[in-house]
C-alpha atoms as a PDB file:
ATOM      1  CA  UNK A   1      95.053 137.375  87.315  1.00  0.00           C
ATOM      2  CA  UNK A   2      94.016 137.362  90.955  1.00  0.00           C
ATOM      3  CA  UNK A   3      90.288 137.894  90.714  1.00  0.00           C
ATOM      4  CA  UNK A   4      87.609 135.651  92.127  1.00  0.00           C
ATOM      5  CA  UNK A   5      83.877 135.537  91.504  1.00  0.00           C
ATOM      6  CA  UNK A   6      80.812 134.040  93.138  1.00  0.00           C
ATOM      7  CA  UNK A   7      78.275 131.952  91.246  1.00  0.00           C
ATOM      8  CA  UNK A   8      75.740 134.724  91.566  1.00  0.00           C
ATOM      9  CA  UNK A   9      78.092 137.317  90.080  1.00  0.00           C
ATOM     10  CA  UNK A  10      79.034 135.049  87.179  1.00  0.00           C
ATOM     11  CA  UNK A  11      75.429 134.083  86.530  1.00  0.00           C
ATOM     12  CA  UNK A  12      74.355 137.722  86.428  1.00  0.00           C
ATOM     13  CA  UNK A  13      77.173 139.032  84.229  1.00  0.00           C
ATOM     14  CA  UNK A  14      77.147 136.090  81.810  1.00  0.00           C
ATOM     15  CA  UNK A  15      73.334 136.034  81.690  1.00  0.00           C
ATOM     16  CA  UNK A  16      73.108 132.370  82.572  1.00  0.00           C
ATOM     17  CA  UNK A  17      70.422 131.180  85.020  1.00  0.00           C
ATOM     18  CA  UNK A  18      71.974 130.618  88.430  1.00  0.00           C
ATOM     19  CA  UNK A  19      70.779 127.017  88.743  1.00  0.00           C
ATOM     20  CA  UNK A  20      72.242 126.172  85.320  1.00  0.00           C
ATOM     21  CA  UNK A  21      75.560 127.841  86.160  1.00  0.00           C
ATOM     22  CA  UNK A  22      75.853 125.896  89.421  1.00  0.00           C
ATOM     23  CA  UNK A  23      75.041 122.654  87.592  1.00  0.00           C
ATOM     24  CA  UNK A  24      77.755 123.334  85.018  1.00  0.00           C
ATOM     25  CA  UNK A  25      80.224 124.117  87.808  1.00  0.00           C
ATOM     26  CA  UNK A  26      79.563 120.719  89.378  1.00  0.00           C
ATOM     27  CA  UNK A  27      80.116 119.032  86.025  1.00  0.00           C
ATOM     28  CA  UNK A  28      83.258 120.829  84.821  1.00  0.00           C
ATOM     29  CA  UNK A  29      85.175 121.565  88.031  1.00  0.00           C
ATOM     30  CA  UNK A  30      86.421 119.330  90.839  1.00  0.00           C
ATOM     31  CA  UNK A  31      84.637 119.649  94.191  1.00  0.00           C
ATOM     32  CA  UNK A  32      85.305 122.783  96.198  1.00  0.00           C
ATOM     33  CA  UNK A  33      88.191 121.887  98.548  1.00  0.00           C
ATOM     34  CA  UNK A  34      86.723 124.247 101.154  1.00  0.00           C
ATOM     35  CA  UNK A  35      83.192 122.966 100.746  1.00  0.00           C
ATOM     36  CA  UNK A  36      83.380 120.580 103.660  1.00  0.00           C
ATOM     37  CA  UNK A  37      85.393 122.929 105.842  1.00  0.00           C
ATOM     38  CA  UNK A  38      83.401 126.147 105.578  1.00  0.00           C
ATOM     39  CA  UNK A  39      79.787 125.154 105.495  1.00  0.00           C
ATOM     40  CA  UNK A  40      77.526 127.945 104.314  1.00  0.00           C
ATOM     41  CA  UNK A  41      80.317 129.943 102.653  1.00  0.00           C
ATOM     42  CA  UNK A  42      79.711 130.596  98.949  1.00  0.00           C
ATOM     43  CA  UNK A  43      82.319 129.110  96.622  1.00  0.00           C
ATOM     44  CA  UNK A  44      84.513 131.581  94.788  1.00  0.00           C
ATOM     45  CA  UNK A  45      85.912 130.876  91.330  1.00  0.00           C
ATOM     46  CA  UNK A  46      89.178 131.971  89.791  1.00  0.00           C
ATOM     47  CA  UNK A  47      89.147 133.515  86.327  1.00  0.00           C
ATOM     48  CA  UNK A  48      90.377 130.282  84.716  1.00  0.00           C
ATOM     49  CA  UNK A  49      87.849 128.156  86.611  1.00  0.00           C
ATOM     50  CA  UNK A  50      85.004 130.418  85.521  1.00  0.00           C
ATOM     51  CA  UNK A  51      86.230 130.402  81.927  1.00  0.00           C
ATOM     52  CA  UNK A  52      86.484 126.599  81.981  1.00  0.00           C
ATOM     53  CA  UNK A  53      82.853 126.355  83.059  1.00  0.00           C
ATOM     54  CA  UNK A  54      81.816 128.929  80.458  1.00  0.00           C
ATOM     55  CA  UNK A  55      83.469 126.951  77.635  1.00  0.00           C
ATOM     56  CA  UNK A  56      81.983 123.687  78.876  1.00  0.00           C
ATOM     57  CA  UNK A  57      78.593 125.358  79.101  1.00  0.00           C
ATOM     58  CA  UNK A  58      78.933 126.530  75.491  1.00  0.00           C
ATOM     59  CA  UNK A  59      79.526 122.946  74.381  1.00  0.00           C
ATOM     60  CA  UNK A  60      76.378 121.826  76.179  1.00  0.00           C
ATOM     61  CA  UNK A  61      74.121 124.829  75.679  1.00  0.00           C
ATOM     62  CA  UNK A  62      75.070 125.971  72.178  1.00  0.00           C
ATOM     63  CA  UNK A  63      76.569 122.914  70.479  1.00  0.00           C
ATOM     64  CA  UNK A  64      74.108 120.513  72.146  1.00  0.00           C
ATOM     65  CA  UNK A  65      76.686 117.986  73.288  1.00  0.00           C
ATOM     66  CA  UNK A  66      75.936 115.762  76.260  1.00  0.00           C
ATOM     67  CA  UNK A  67      77.643 116.473  79.585  1.00  0.00           C
ATOM     68  CA  UNK A  68      79.929 113.391  79.287  1.00  0.00           C
ATOM     69  CA  UNK A  69      80.870 114.401  75.724  1.00  0.00           C
ATOM     70  CA  UNK A  70      81.609 117.967  76.814  1.00  0.00           C
ATOM     71  CA  UNK A  71      83.797 116.713  79.659  1.00  0.00           C
ATOM     72  CA  UNK A  72      85.710 114.492  77.223  1.00  0.00           C
ATOM     73  CA  UNK A  73      86.252 117.400  74.833  1.00  0.00           C
ATOM     74  CA  UNK A  74      87.433 119.681  77.634  1.00  0.00           C
ATOM     75  CA  UNK A  75      89.906 117.028  78.786  1.00  0.00           C
ATOM     76  CA  UNK A  76      91.159 116.408  75.238  1.00  0.00           C
ATOM     77  CA  UNK A  77      91.686 120.114  74.595  1.00  0.00           C
ATOM     78  CA  UNK A  78      93.081 121.215  77.950  1.00  0.00           C
ATOM     79  CA  UNK A  79      96.701 121.263  76.767  1.00  0.00           C
ATOM     80  CA  UNK A  80      95.670 122.846  73.466  1.00  0.00           C
ATOM     81  CA  UNK A  81      93.818 125.613  75.323  1.00  0.00           C
ATOM     82  CA  UNK A  82      97.026 126.426  77.191  1.00  0.00           C
ATOM     83  CA  UNK A  83      99.051 126.405  73.973  1.00  0.00           C
ATOM     84  CA  UNK A  84      96.783 128.833  72.150  1.00  0.00           C
ATOM     85  CA  UNK A  85      96.580 131.228  75.094  1.00  0.00           C
ATOM     86  CA  UNK A  86      93.008 130.640  76.262  1.00  0.00           C
ATOM     87  CA  UNK A  87      93.748 130.952  79.964  1.00  0.00           C
ATOM     88  CA  UNK A  88      94.937 134.057  81.766  1.00  0.00           C
ATOM     89  CA  UNK A  89      98.638 134.856  81.594  1.00  0.00           C
ATOM     90  CA  UNK A  90      99.615 131.887  79.435  1.00  0.00           C
ATOM     91  CA  UNK A  91     101.734 132.160  76.286  1.00  0.00           C
ATOM     92  CA  UNK A  92     100.895 130.980  72.795  1.00  0.00           C
ATOM     93  CA  UNK A  93     103.105 128.037  71.909  1.00  0.00           C
ATOM     94  CA  UNK A  94     105.607 128.501  69.093  1.00  0.00           C
ATOM     95  CA  UNK A  95     103.794 125.980  66.871  1.00  0.00           C
ATOM     96  CA  UNK A  96     100.837 128.366  66.785  1.00  0.00           C
ATOM     97  CA  UNK A  97     102.883 131.439  65.850  1.00  0.00           C
ATOM     98  CA  UNK A  98     103.831 132.727  62.427  1.00  0.00           C
ATOM     99  CA  UNK A  99     106.678 135.025  63.386  1.00  0.00           C
ATOM    100  CA  UNK A 100     107.399 137.588  60.698  1.00  0.00           C
ATOM    101  CA  UNK A 101     104.487 136.390  58.558  1.00  0.00           C
ATOM    102  CA  UNK A 102     101.886 137.966  60.781  1.00  0.00           C
ATOM    103  CA  UNK A 103      99.711 137.339  63.798  1.00  0.00           C
ATOM    104  CA  UNK A 104      96.804 134.958  64.172  1.00  0.00           C
ATOM    105  CA  UNK A 105      93.685 137.038  64.736  1.00  0.00           C
ATOM    106  CA  UNK A 106      91.271 134.277  65.772  1.00  0.00           C
ATOM    107  CA  UNK A 107      91.221 130.596  66.660  1.00  0.00           C
ATOM    108  CA  UNK A 108      88.468 128.068  66.149  1.00  0.00           C
ATOM    109  CA  UNK A 109      88.406 124.321  66.717  1.00  0.00           C
ATOM    110  CA  UNK A 110      86.623 121.845  64.459  1.00  0.00           C
ATOM    111  CA  UNK A 111      85.843 118.461  65.955  1.00  0.00           C
ATOM    112  CA  UNK A 112      84.069 115.242  65.106  1.00  0.00           C
ATOM    113  CA  UNK A 113      83.966 111.619  66.176  1.00  0.00           C
ATOM    114  CA  UNK A 114      86.811 109.447  64.982  1.00  0.00           C
ATOM    115  CA  UNK A 115      85.482 106.226  63.466  1.00  0.00           C
ATOM    116  CA  UNK A 116      88.971 104.717  63.789  1.00  0.00           C
ATOM    117  CA  UNK A 117      89.280 105.349  67.532  1.00  0.00           C
ATOM    118  CA  UNK A 118      90.127 102.291  69.613  1.00  0.00           C
ATOM    119  CA  UNK A 119      89.498 101.512  73.259  1.00  0.00           C
ATOM    120  CA  UNK A 120      91.515 103.733  75.549  1.00  0.00           C
ATOM    121  CA  UNK A 121      91.762 106.615  73.082  1.00  0.00           C
ATOM    122  CA  UNK A 122      89.563 109.667  72.694  1.00  0.00           C
ATOM    123  CA  UNK A 123      86.616 109.150  70.348  1.00  0.00           C
ATOM    124  CA  UNK A 124      87.218 112.624  68.874  1.00  0.00           C
ATOM    125  CA  UNK A 125      89.694 114.273  66.536  1.00  0.00           C
ATOM    126  CA  UNK A 126      90.238 118.005  66.348  1.00  0.00           C
ATOM    127  CA  UNK A 127      91.536 120.553  63.867  1.00  0.00           C
ATOM    128  CA  UNK A 128      92.760 123.828  65.365  1.00  0.00           C
ATOM    129  CA  UNK A 129      92.575 126.715  62.908  1.00  0.00           C
ATOM    130  CA  UNK A 130      94.258 130.050  63.416  1.00  0.00           C
ATOM    131  CA  UNK A 131      93.011 132.776  61.086  1.00  0.00           C
ATOM    132  CA  UNK A 132      95.899 134.711  59.534  1.00  0.00           C
ATOM    133  CA  UNK A 133      94.085 136.880  57.009  1.00  0.00           C
ATOM    134  CA  UNK A 134      90.721 137.340  55.336  1.00  0.00           C
ATOM    135  CA  UNK A 135      89.925 139.160  52.121  1.00  0.00           C
ATOM    136  CA  UNK A 136      86.864 139.663  49.954  1.00  0.00           C
ATOM    137  CA  UNK A 137      86.733 140.572  46.289  1.00  0.00           C
ATOM    138  CA  UNK A 138      84.316 140.561  43.386  1.00  0.00           C
ATOM    139  CA  UNK A 139      84.468 137.781  40.799  1.00  0.00           C
ATOM    140  CA  UNK A 140      81.910 138.765  38.212  1.00  0.00           C
ATOM    141  CA  UNK A 141      78.477 138.711  39.836  1.00  0.00           C
ATOM    142  CA  UNK A 142      79.805 136.881  42.907  1.00  0.00           C
ATOM    143  CA  UNK A 143      81.435 138.047  46.102  1.00  0.00           C
ATOM    144  CA  UNK A 144      84.366 135.772  46.879  1.00  0.00           C
ATOM    145  CA  UNK A 145      85.955 135.422  50.314  1.00  0.00           C
ATOM    146  CA  UNK A 146      89.441 134.111  50.863  1.00  0.00           C
ATOM    147  CA  UNK A 147      90.932 133.002  54.173  1.00  0.00           C
ATOM    148  CA  UNK A 148      94.485 132.032  55.063  1.00  0.00           C
ATOM    149  CA  UNK A 149      94.987 130.092  58.245  1.00  0.00           C
ATOM    150  CA  UNK A 150      97.426 127.981  60.200  1.00  0.00           C
ATOM    151  CA  UNK A 151      96.163 124.486  60.962  1.00  0.00           C
ATOM    152  CA  UNK A 152      97.279 122.016  63.624  1.00  0.00           C
ATOM    153  CA  UNK A 153      95.720 118.848  64.976  1.00  0.00           C
ATOM    154  CA  UNK A 154      94.802 117.171  68.241  1.00  0.00           C
ATOM    155  CA  UNK A 155      96.193 114.671  68.829  1.00  0.00           C
ATOM    156  CA  UNK A 156      99.322 115.872  67.030  1.00  0.00           C
ATOM    157  CA  UNK A 157      99.808 112.413  65.505  1.00  0.00           C
ATOM    158  CA  UNK A 158      96.494 112.650  63.656  1.00  0.00           C
ATOM    159  CA  UNK A 159      97.592 114.937  60.810  1.00  0.00           C
ATOM    160  CA  UNK A 160      94.103 114.554  59.378  1.00  0.00           C
ATOM    161  CA  UNK A 161      92.429 117.874  58.549  1.00  0.00           C
ATOM    162  CA  UNK A 162      88.668 117.842  58.851  1.00  0.00           C
ATOM    163  CA  UNK A 163      86.973 118.511  55.530  1.00  0.00           C
ATOM    164  CA  UNK A 164      83.987 120.716  56.326  1.00  0.00           C
ATOM    165  CA  UNK A 165      82.306 119.603  53.102  1.00  0.00           C
ATOM    166  CA  UNK A 166      82.581 115.896  53.835  1.00  0.00           C
ATOM    167  CA  UNK A 167      82.673 115.516  57.594  1.00  0.00           C
ATOM    168  CA  UNK A 168      79.883 115.845  60.114  1.00  0.00           C
ATOM    169  CA  UNK A 169      81.705 118.154  62.476  1.00  0.00           C
ATOM    170  CA  UNK A 170      81.060 120.911  64.976  1.00  0.00           C
ATOM    171  CA  UNK A 171      82.771 124.261  65.403  1.00  0.00           C
ATOM    172  CA  UNK A 172      83.996 125.700  68.693  1.00  0.00           C
ATOM    173  CA  UNK A 173      84.719 129.428  68.114  1.00  0.00           C
ATOM    174  CA  UNK A 174      87.142 129.592  71.008  1.00  0.00           C
ATOM    175  CA  UNK A 175      88.441 133.145  70.440  1.00  0.00           C
ATOM    176  CA  UNK A 176      84.894 134.497  70.270  1.00  0.00           C
ATOM    177  CA  UNK A 177      83.979 132.635  73.471  1.00  0.00           C
ATOM    178  CA  UNK A 178      86.952 134.047  75.386  1.00  0.00           C
ATOM    179  CA  UNK A 179      86.206 137.520  74.010  1.00  0.00           C
ATOM    180  CA  UNK A 180      82.589 137.304  75.150  1.00  0.00           C
ATOM    181  CA  UNK A 181      83.629 136.100  78.598  1.00  0.00           C
ATOM    182  CA  UNK A 182      86.185 138.873  79.159  1.00  0.00           C
ATOM    183  CA  UNK A 183      83.772 141.562  78.027  1.00  0.00           C
ATOM    184  CA  UNK A 184      80.941 140.271  80.209  1.00  0.00           C
ATOM    185  CA  UNK A 185      83.200 140.054  83.272  1.00  0.00           C
ATOM    186  CA  UNK A 186      84.980 143.366  82.518  1.00  0.00           C
ATOM    187  CA  UNK A 187      88.441 141.753  82.473  1.00  0.00           C
ATOM    188  CA  UNK A 188      91.648 143.152  81.038  1.00  0.00           C
ATOM    189  CA  UNK A 189      91.947 141.494  77.629  1.00  0.00           C
ATOM    190  CA  UNK A 190      95.714 141.838  77.671  1.00  0.00           C
ATOM    191  CA  UNK A 191      95.870 138.893  80.067  1.00  0.00           C
ATOM    192  CA  UNK A 192      94.427 136.534  77.416  1.00  0.00           C
ATOM    193  CA  UNK A 193      96.843 135.975  74.505  1.00  0.00           C
ATOM    194  CA  UNK A 194      94.211 134.269  72.336  1.00  0.00           C
ATOM    195  CA  UNK A 195      92.351 137.564  71.893  1.00  0.00           C
ATOM    196  CA  UNK A 196      95.371 139.856  71.670  1.00  0.00           C
ATOM    197  CA  UNK A 197      94.680 140.430  67.954  1.00  0.00           C
ATOM    198  CA  UNK A 198      91.013 139.472  67.941  1.00  0.00           C
ATOM    199  CA  UNK A 199      88.081 141.651  67.026  1.00  0.00           C
ATOM    200  CA  UNK A 200      84.464 140.729  66.410  1.00  0.00           C
ATOM    201  CA  UNK A 201      85.098 141.419  62.718  1.00  0.00           C
ATOM    202  CA  UNK A 202      87.828 138.750  62.559  1.00  0.00           C
END
């Protein structure tokens, strides 16, 4: 998707203060390669660069992680983001597809610190959940909700699902974030596989 945006345009459309947006850009993107060559020319951001900053900003602004923690999470999940179709014109990896059993309507990522992590490895483990179906029904006086989902892990060797009832974890609603970004920037959703089957009711 060959579209580029200025900081001012992104700040306005995403409703993020300009100074904050520029600070996040410095933290989550490498330096502008043209910055030293074209002094006074405003930097322009590709769709994927802007989305990267938006996700990193969500980690800091909404999930209250520190900047170094958010950078670590973004690095850990970069390959995963590609595999679940976060970025424009990527393809969802086969391990995240269900074939004839149906489509995944939404992805979220659970993460927490790994007490077993050693030096040189990421201090976090992640569970990637893809929502397959959701149903609600009455069970006596109670309303019961059932969800079916596909679950994978980062790193793949972990194979340790995060128990939301036992683990102090955080939730990154990645499909909802991409959906919000594309709507705010008036982008063609068909370029983002992760939201191909997503709706706000998912």
